[in-house]
Amino acid sequence: MGGQVMRVQRVLLLCALVTLLPIAAQADYLEVSRNATIKVAPNSDAAIVQRIEPGVYLLLLEDAQTDGYYHVQSAAGEWRGWIYRTLARRYTGNPPVAVTESGAAAISGNLIGDPGGVLTDEQITFSARHLAVGKPVAIYERVHEGYALAYDARLKIPIWVQYYVTREDLTGTSERSDDFRPDTSIPRGSRSELSDYRSSGYDRGHMAPAADMKRSDEVMSESFFLSNMSPQVGQGYNRGIWRVLETAVRDWVNQRGSLTVIIGPIFTINQNRASYRVIGGNSVAVPNSFYKIVVDHSSDDVEVLAFLMPNENLSGRELHEFLVSVDEIEGLTGLDFLSNLPDDIERTVEALEPSEIW
């Protein structure tokens, strides 16, 4: 399993394989939508620097247009020039990094997806036809050094966060940075902002906790993206039993050497309807409950603990009261966890409802 329970997903967009790994610098970017020419100056009579095909990503050098032109450079930085605004779409954040099929295999340990994520040649042909104008995006998968996640653009929170943590990770020297900030790799309007949590009555609750991200300043800082947060009740929950559970996980890592942890929200369905509060101008969803699945897969004898906790003041309650099976969480979320385990082991550990914690 190579330490992480993850699979490769190769996503087609206009017949290009694209990873979800952000590049280092944060900046707006353009995706070329039609055959275009890059000019040396912002006018139609200027000399041509480069001819560009649809699907190419360009870095935006200036926020404002000049005579209807964007000032851009190539993603690799070999040239600069001007492109007319109608020939490209503008996005907030970092461009995806295009890779070849062999390149995707080389970085497969950092990619995520489902077993059906690889397209046949026939499906590639169908996709090129049906998705020629682009593919609607509602779920943003992101991979950081410290964790991976899937972010829901409607709910404005992650639907799962997963990370592998070792004893050595916990002995790092990086201190809590508290640099809470929006994840600008997700477009504005599809993400939460700091203002959404302000005066909301809810904490910015880490899914992958900062105290598990001490191995470097960069990893620590990445844990403060709002894409790693969900609104949590503060007293008796985020600052209570949820913190107790996070501490317990670190104790188990120190005892066992390594664990994989999966965290996410659950929304209660009553009479075939899901009802939940929202906060802020972006209507950030407040989950009814949260799950946490803890997996020891350091040997063939896989062990799993799963917790399901209502998002409310749970002062005085104990961790063992919230033990459930992974099957129960899958039933509530519709997600398939631990799918890289052998089928017989997956069925066994997911059906088990432990009577006590480790």
Protein backbone atom coordinates (compact mmCIF):
# COMPACT_ATOMS: atom_id res chain seq x y z
CA MET A 1 0.00 0.00 0.00
CA GLY A 2 3.08 2.24 0.16
CA GLY A 3 1.87 3.94 3.35
CA GLN A 4 -1.16 5.67 1.88
CA VAL A 5 -4.50 4.20 0.89
CA MET A 6 -4.81 6.12 -2.39
CA ARG A 7 -5.43 5.40 -6.05
CA VAL A 8 -4.64 7.11 -9.32
CA GLN A 9 -7.44 8.95 -11.04
CA ARG A 10 -6.76 10.20 -14.55
CA VAL A 11 -9.33 12.85 -15.36
CA LEU A 12 -9.98 13.77 -18.97
CA LEU A 13 -10.57 17.38 -19.95
CA LEU A 14 -10.33 17.94 -23.68
CA CYS A 15 -8.27 14.77 -23.97
CA ALA A 16 -5.59 16.08 -21.55
CA LEU A 17 -4.53 14.28 -18.39
CA VAL A 18 -4.30 16.80 -15.57
CA THR A 19 -3.19 16.38 -11.99
CA LEU A 20 -4.69 18.32 -9.13
CA LEU A 21 -1.34 19.26 -7.64
CA PRO A 22 -1.03 23.04 -7.24
CA ILE A 23 2.18 24.73 -8.32
CA ALA A 24 4.14 26.66 -5.76
CA ALA A 25 3.18 30.27 -6.39
CA GLN A 26 -0.39 31.50 -6.02
CA ALA A 27 -1.59 33.53 -9.04
CA ASP A 28 -4.56 33.94 -11.34
CA TYR A 29 -4.26 32.10 -14.64
CA LEU A 30 -5.90 31.76 -18.05
CA GLU A 31 -6.94 28.68 -19.98
CA VAL A 32 -6.82 29.23 -23.74
CA SER A 33 -10.27 28.41 -25.15
CA ARG A 34 -9.64 28.89 -28.91
CA ASN A 35 -6.69 28.87 -31.29
CA ALA A 36 -4.88 32.07 -30.38
CA THR A 37 -1.80 34.15 -31.05
CA ILE A 38 0.34 35.78 -28.39
CA LYS A 39 1.42 39.30 -29.42
CA VAL A 40 4.43 41.37 -28.36
CA ALA A 41 2.12 44.30 -27.56
CA PRO A 42 -1.61 44.74 -26.75
CA ASN A 43 -2.86 45.42 -30.26
CA SER A 44 -3.91 43.37 -33.26
CA ASP A 45 -1.12 44.66 -35.50
CA ALA A 46 1.69 43.64 -33.13
CA ALA A 47 4.13 40.89 -34.04
CA ILE A 48 3.33 37.33 -33.00
CA VAL A 49 5.34 35.79 -30.17
CA GLN A 50 3.67 32.38 -30.10
CA ARG A 51 0.72 30.45 -31.52
CA ILE A 52 -1.34 28.66 -28.84
CA GLU A 53 -3.89 25.84 -29.04
CA PRO A 54 -6.96 25.41 -26.79
CA GLY A 55 -6.33 23.90 -23.36
CA VAL A 56 -2.98 25.60 -22.73
CA TYR A 57 -2.59 27.35 -19.34
CA LEU A 58 -1.00 30.82 -19.11
CA LEU A 59 0.06 32.77 -16.04
CA LEU A 60 -1.54 36.20 -15.66
CA LEU A 61 1.06 38.94 -15.09
CA GLU A 62 -1.25 41.91 -14.53
CA ASP A 63 -4.71 42.02 -12.97
CA ALA A 64 -6.15 44.62 -15.37
CA GLN A 65 -6.59 44.34 -19.14
CA THR A 66 -4.98 46.74 -21.57
CA ASP A 67 -7.16 47.50 -24.60
CA GLY A 68 -8.89 44.16 -24.11
CA TYR A 69 -5.65 42.17 -23.86
CA TYR A 70 -4.25 40.17 -20.92
CA HIS A 71 -0.51 40.33 -20.19
CA VAL A 72 0.64 36.72 -19.80
CA GLN A 73 3.57 34.39 -19.75
CA SER A 74 3.89 30.69 -20.47
CA ALA A 75 3.54 28.31 -17.52
CA ALA A 76 7.26 27.45 -17.78
CA GLY A 77 8.24 31.12 -18.14
CA GLU A 78 10.02 30.85 -21.54
CA TRP A 79 8.16 33.81 -23.07
CA ARG A 80 5.80 36.71 -22.34
CA GLY A 81 3.21 38.48 -24.44
CA TRP A 82 -0.41 39.59 -24.82
CA ILE A 83 -3.56 37.56 -25.57
CA TYR A 84 -6.97 38.97 -26.46
CA ARG A 85 -9.50 38.46 -23.66
CA THR A 86 -12.11 36.52 -25.69
CA LEU A 87 -9.59 33.79 -26.51
CA ALA A 88 -9.11 32.60 -22.92
CA ARG A 89 -10.98 31.95 -19.69
CA ARG A 90 -9.72 33.43 -16.44
CA TYR A 91 -9.51 31.43 -13.20
CA THR A 92 -8.49 32.23 -9.63
CA GLY A 93 -5.62 30.28 -8.09
CA ASN A 94 -2.97 28.06 -9.68
CA PRO A 95 -3.20 26.25 -13.01
CA PRO A 96 -3.24 22.45 -12.92
CA VAL A 97 -0.05 20.76 -14.06
CA ALA A 98 -0.46 18.81 -17.30
CA VAL A 99 1.22 15.41 -17.32
CA THR A 100 1.55 12.56 -19.75
CA GLU A 101 0.11 9.14 -19.02
CA SER A 102 3.57 7.86 -18.07
CA GLY A 103 4.04 10.94 -15.89
CA ALA A 104 0.77 10.18 -14.12
CA ALA A 105 2.06 6.71 -13.26
CA ALA A 106 5.26 8.20 -11.90
CA ILE A 107 3.40 10.38 -9.39
CA SER A 108 0.58 7.94 -8.71
CA GLY A 109 1.31 7.94 -4.99
CA ASN A 110 0.13 11.57 -4.86
CA LEU A 111 -3.07 11.17 -6.84
CA ILE A 112 -6.50 10.09 -5.73
CA GLY A 113 -9.61 8.66 -7.31
CA ASP A 114 -11.96 5.75 -7.85
CA PRO A 115 -11.37 2.42 -9.60
CA GLY A 116 -13.25 3.62 -12.70
CA GLY A 117 -11.07 6.70 -13.11
CA VAL A 118 -9.12 5.33 -16.10
CA LEU A 119 -10.90 5.95 -19.39
CA THR A 120 -10.98 3.53 -22.31
CA ASP A 121 -10.15 4.80 -25.79
CA GLU A 122 -13.86 4.74 -26.60
CA GLN A 123 -14.69 6.78 -23.49
CA ILE A 124 -11.98 9.28 -24.42
CA THR A 125 -13.70 9.77 -27.77
CA PHE A 126 -17.10 10.20 -26.11
CA SER A 127 -15.67 12.65 -23.55
CA ALA A 128 -13.96 14.74 -26.21
CA ARG A 129 -17.34 15.14 -27.91
CA HIS A 130 -19.53 15.78 -24.86
CA LEU A 131 -17.09 17.87 -22.82
CA ALA A 132 -15.65 19.98 -25.64
CA VAL A 133 -16.74 23.23 -23.95
CA GLY A 134 -15.44 22.11 -20.54
CA LYS A 135 -16.48 19.90 -17.66
CA PRO A 136 -18.63 21.31 -14.82
CA VAL A 137 -16.63 21.40 -11.60
CA ALA A 138 -18.32 20.93 -8.23
CA ILE A 139 -15.79 18.80 -6.35
CA TYR A 140 -12.20 20.03 -6.08
CA GLU A 141 -9.67 17.37 -5.14
CA ARG A 142 -6.46 18.78 -3.73
CA VAL A 143 -3.25 17.05 -2.66
CA HIS A 144 -0.85 18.74 -0.25
CA GLU A 145 2.30 17.37 1.32
CA GLY A 146 0.49 16.81 4.60
CA TYR A 147 -2.96 15.64 3.46
CA ALA A 148 -5.39 15.14 0.57
CA LEU A 149 -9.02 16.27 0.37
CA ALA A 150 -12.16 16.54 -1.72
CA TYR A 151 -13.90 19.91 -1.47
CA ASP A 152 -17.58 20.50 -2.25
CA ALA A 153 -18.23 23.82 -4.04
CA ARG A 154 -21.86 23.93 -2.90
CA LEU A 155 -21.27 23.10 0.76
CA LYS A 156 -17.98 25.11 0.90
CA ILE A 157 -16.38 22.43 3.10
CA PRO A 158 -14.37 19.25 2.47
CA ILE A 159 -16.42 16.06 2.15
CA TRP A 160 -13.36 14.06 3.17
CA VAL A 161 -9.79 14.74 4.26
CA GLN A 162 -7.27 11.89 4.39
CA TYR A 163 -3.69 11.78 5.58
CA TYR A 164 -0.97 9.32 6.58
CA VAL A 165 1.01 10.25 9.68
CA THR A 166 4.05 8.65 11.28
CA ARG A 167 5.74 8.85 14.64
CA GLU A 168 8.54 10.89 13.03
CA ASP A 169 6.02 13.42 11.66
CA LEU A 170 4.86 14.18 15.19
CA THR A 171 8.38 14.91 16.43
CA GLY A 172 8.88 17.82 14.01
CA THR A 173 9.75 21.24 15.35
CA SER A 174 7.34 23.42 13.37
CA GLU A 175 5.02 25.41 15.60
CA ARG A 176 1.38 26.25 15.02
CA SER A 177 1.21 29.10 12.49
CA ASP A 178 -2.45 30.21 12.83
CA ASP A 179 -2.30 31.65 9.28
CA PHE A 180 -5.94 30.84 8.51
CA ARG A 181 -6.67 31.79 4.89
CA PRO A 182 -8.92 30.90 1.97
CA ASP A 183 -7.70 28.28 -0.49
CA THR A 184 -7.30 30.43 -3.60
CA SER A 185 -6.76 27.36 -5.81
CA ILE A 186 -10.57 27.04 -5.50
CA PRO A 187 -12.47 29.81 -7.36
CA ARG A 188 -14.07 32.64 -5.41
CA GLY A 189 -17.72 31.81 -4.81
CA SER A 190 -16.94 28.09 -4.61
CA ARG A 191 -14.88 28.38 -1.43
CA SER A 192 -15.27 29.66 2.12
CA GLU A 193 -13.72 32.94 3.24
CA LEU A 194 -12.52 34.19 6.61
CA SER A 195 -15.53 36.51 6.75
CA ASP A 196 -17.91 33.50 6.67
CA TYR A 197 -16.70 32.33 10.08
CA ARG A 198 -16.44 35.78 11.65
CA SER A 199 -19.12 36.22 14.37
CA SER A 200 -20.80 32.98 13.20
CA GLY A 201 -20.66 31.29 16.59
CA TYR A 202 -18.69 28.37 15.09
CA ASP A 203 -15.00 27.48 15.21
CA ARG A 204 -12.89 26.99 12.11
CA GLY A 205 -12.51 23.30 12.86
CA HIS A 206 -9.44 21.58 11.39
CA MET A 207 -10.12 18.27 9.68
CA ALA A 208 -6.43 17.38 9.39
CA PRO A 209 -5.21 18.85 12.71
CA ALA A 210 -2.29 21.26 12.84
CA ALA A 211 -0.61 19.30 15.64
CA ASP A 212 -0.20 16.36 13.21
CA MET A 213 1.56 18.61 10.66
CA LYS A 214 4.74 19.55 12.55
CA ARG A 215 7.28 18.09 10.15
CA SER A 216 7.85 21.37 8.25
CA ASP A 217 6.69 24.98 8.24
CA GLU A 218 5.11 24.49 4.81
CA VAL A 219 3.10 21.45 5.92
CA MET A 220 2.01 23.28 9.05
CA SER A 221 0.94 26.33 7.05
CA GLU A 222 -1.04 24.23 4.53
CA SER A 223 -3.15 22.84 7.37
CA PHE A 224 -4.60 26.37 7.83
CA PHE A 225 -6.24 26.52 4.40
CA LEU A 226 -9.98 26.99 4.93
CA SER A 227 -10.46 24.05 2.55
CA ASN A 228 -9.25 21.94 5.51
CA MET A 229 -11.90 23.48 7.80
CA SER A 230 -15.54 22.91 8.66
CA PRO A 231 -17.75 24.86 11.08
CA GLN A 232 -17.65 23.14 14.47
CA VAL A 233 -19.27 23.92 17.78
CA GLY A 234 -16.48 25.32 19.92
CA GLN A 235 -17.14 24.73 23.63
CA GLY A 236 -17.36 21.02 24.41
CA TYR A 237 -16.62 19.94 20.84
CA ASN A 238 -13.76 21.46 18.80
CA ARG A 239 -12.25 22.65 22.07
CA GLY A 240 -13.50 19.56 23.87
CA ILE A 241 -14.04 15.95 22.82
CA TRP A 242 -12.85 16.48 19.23
CA ARG A 243 -9.53 17.72 20.59
CA VAL A 244 -9.44 14.72 22.94
CA LEU A 245 -9.86 12.42 19.92
CA GLU A 246 -7.11 14.21 17.99
CA THR A 247 -4.77 13.77 20.97
CA ALA A 248 -5.72 10.09 21.22
CA VAL A 249 -4.85 9.58 17.54
CA ARG A 250 -1.39 11.03 18.14
CA ASP A 251 -0.95 8.71 21.12
CA TRP A 252 -1.86 5.74 18.89
CA VAL A 253 0.61 6.92 16.22
CA ASN A 254 3.36 7.03 18.83
CA GLN A 255 2.43 3.54 20.00
CA ARG A 256 1.97 1.94 16.57
CA GLY A 257 4.40 3.89 14.37
CA SER A 258 1.95 5.13 11.71
CA LEU A 259 -1.75 5.49 10.89
CA THR A 260 -3.99 6.71 8.10
CA VAL A 261 -6.78 9.04 9.25
CA ILE A 262 -9.94 9.99 7.31
CA ILE A 263 -12.24 12.79 8.49
CA GLY A 264 -15.36 14.42 7.14
CA PRO A 265 -18.90 15.76 7.68
CA ILE A 266 -22.27 14.04 7.86
CA PHE A 267 -25.64 15.65 7.23
CA THR A 268 -28.69 14.16 8.89
CA ILE A 269 -31.61 13.08 6.69
CA ASN A 270 -35.11 13.27 8.19
CA GLN A 271 -38.15 12.22 6.16
CA ASN A 272 -36.02 12.10 3.01
CA ARG A 273 -34.76 15.65 3.51
CA ALA A 274 -31.36 16.93 4.55
CA SER A 275 -31.53 19.99 6.77
CA TYR A 276 -28.56 22.00 7.98
CA ARG A 277 -27.55 25.53 8.95
CA VAL A 278 -25.30 27.75 6.83
CA ILE A 279 -23.03 30.59 7.89
CA GLY A 280 -21.60 33.64 6.16
CA GLY A 281 -22.14 35.28 2.82
CA ASN A 282 -21.01 32.14 0.99
CA SER A 283 -23.52 29.90 2.83
CA VAL A 284 -20.94 27.56 4.34
CA ALA A 285 -22.71 24.38 5.45
CA VAL A 286 -22.67 23.42 9.14
CA PRO A 287 -22.49 19.62 9.41
CA ASN A 288 -24.80 17.80 11.81
CA SER A 289 -22.01 15.35 12.69
CA PHE A 290 -18.41 14.45 11.89
CA TYR A 291 -16.75 11.08 11.34
CA LYS A 292 -13.17 10.04 11.90
CA ILE A 293 -11.77 6.72 10.67
CA VAL A 294 -8.39 5.60 12.01
CA VAL A 295 -6.60 2.81 10.12
CA ASP A 296 -3.52 0.83 11.19
CA HIS A 297 -2.35 -0.84 7.97
CA SER A 298 1.30 -1.25 8.93
CA SER A 299 0.93 -5.04 8.61
CA ASP A 300 -1.43 -7.57 7.03
CA ASP A 301 -3.43 -7.50 10.26
CA VAL A 302 -5.36 -4.30 9.48
CA GLU A 303 -7.12 -2.65 12.42
CA VAL A 304 -9.70 0.12 12.22
CA LEU A 305 -11.50 2.44 14.62
CA ALA A 306 -14.38 4.61 13.43
CA PHE A 307 -16.08 7.43 15.35
CA LEU A 308 -19.28 9.35 14.63
CA MET A 309 -19.87 12.45 16.76
CA PRO A 310 -22.76 14.93 16.59
CA ASN A 311 -21.60 18.52 16.13
CA GLU A 312 -22.74 19.78 19.52
CA ASN A 313 -21.49 20.35 23.04
CA LEU A 314 -20.50 16.86 24.24
CA SER A 315 -18.99 17.86 27.57
CA GLY A 316 -18.80 14.91 29.93
CA ARG A 317 -19.06 12.28 27.18
CA GLU A 318 -16.40 9.62 26.50
CA LEU A 319 -14.80 8.58 23.21
CA HIS A 320 -15.96 4.96 23.36
CA GLU A 321 -19.59 6.13 23.29
CA PHE A 322 -19.15 7.22 19.67
CA LEU A 323 -17.60 4.06 18.19
CA VAL A 324 -19.36 2.83 15.05
CA SER A 325 -18.54 0.64 12.06
CA VAL A 326 -17.07 1.98 8.83
CA ASP A 327 -20.08 0.44 7.09
CA GLU A 328 -22.35 2.79 9.04
CA ILE A 329 -20.37 5.84 7.97
CA GLU A 330 -20.37 4.66 4.36
CA GLY A 331 -24.14 4.30 4.54
CA LEU A 332 -24.53 7.86 5.83
CA THR A 333 -22.09 9.49 3.40
CA GLY A 334 -22.35 7.35 0.26
CA LEU A 335 -18.54 7.20 0.19
CA ASP A 336 -16.43 4.07 -0.27
CA PHE A 337 -13.50 4.01 2.15
CA LEU A 338 -10.44 1.72 2.27
CA SER A 339 -10.99 0.63 -1.32
CA ASN A 340 -7.32 -0.30 -1.85
CA LEU A 341 -7.47 -3.04 0.77
CA PRO A 342 -8.01 -6.63 -0.42
CA ASP A 343 -11.77 -7.19 -0.70
CA ASP A 344 -11.99 -9.79 2.08
CA ILE A 345 -10.04 -7.58 4.52
CA GLU A 346 -12.04 -4.49 3.54
CA ARG A 347 -15.36 -6.28 4.15
CA THR A 348 -14.21 -7.61 7.52
CA VAL A 349 -12.77 -4.41 9.00
CA GLU A 350 -15.59 -2.20 7.69
CA ALA A 351 -18.30 -4.39 9.22
CA LEU A 352 -16.67 -4.48 12.64
CA GLU A 353 -18.06 -2.21 15.36
CA PRO A 354 -15.42 -2.15 18.09
CA SER A 355 -16.59 -2.31 21.67
CA GLU A 356 -13.55 -0.46 23.01
CA ILE A 357 -10.80 1.86 21.79
CA TRP A 358 -7.18 0.79 21.45
